[in-house]
């Protein structure tokens, strides 16, 4: 099998000598090469001696006041330059040009995060980075595990504090808003107090099908219970059911605002006792901390 001796040298820790050779080929002068690589002329001469012994070729010979390459060195010149340039790119600063980049990102997020975070980002992202593709998927199991094993690049949602190897950043604090149809009887009596709120017919968005949510825990602490007459799996169908009946739905504010205008619903603050706030977080694995494309995407998500 063919073996490139000077390529093997890269692996043997003799990169400095190859950099000296590149400088000598470019300058044809020990003194000029020394200035380029930051060594003394003596150190450059010693490096050239090592290379001659290792490669079995003079590489550069004296012609008057200049050094000229041997045929072996001339053949090496373009390949050596390309190899050193590729190595510099591999270990150098990671660069990312969104306008021309092509990359796919997998994002674990609820439809709440999709509407409240990704939807505002969509148009601007298509314009600024047409080659970037976003694939959204609903959380299944542990989002941290999907980030850890590379099945997802980012997670967005109301997640609990993350393990040590998962980065967690609060994007914003969310609060609840109640949606009712125009003309709903509850709108005639002013702000909703907690007793009247509990007595309404409620629709609950419950992806898992369980007819209980965070607000039910708060009502129970007050000695109250609401009647959930319908559960749905996603936020998207909820406003249409509210528009055609006297049921009400209480949603995160960004989702409520996005849906209410499209369906023509009325937004009301829930009773103060139920107006708890919760953080919406962005999660990623720490291995992506310094990845330029990942940093760019995180910055766009933060900016909304």
Foldseek 3Di string as FASTA:
>chain_A
DDDDQVVVVVVVPLVLLLLLLLLCAVPQALCRSCVVSVHHSVVSVVSQVVVCVSVVHNQWDDDPRGTDGDPVVVVCNVVSVVVVVVVCQVPDAADDQQQPDADEFEEEEAVVCCQQFVVVLPVVSCVRHVRYHYHYDYDDPDPVVCQVVVVGFKYKFQDDDDDPQKDKDFLDKWWKKKWAAPPQPVVVPPADAPVNVQAFEAEEADLVPDPDDPLQVLQVVVVGHHHHPYYHNGPQCVVVVRNVDNYMYMDIPSSCVVRCVVSVIDIHHHHPSRTDMGTMMMMHGPVCVRNHVSVVVVVSSSVD
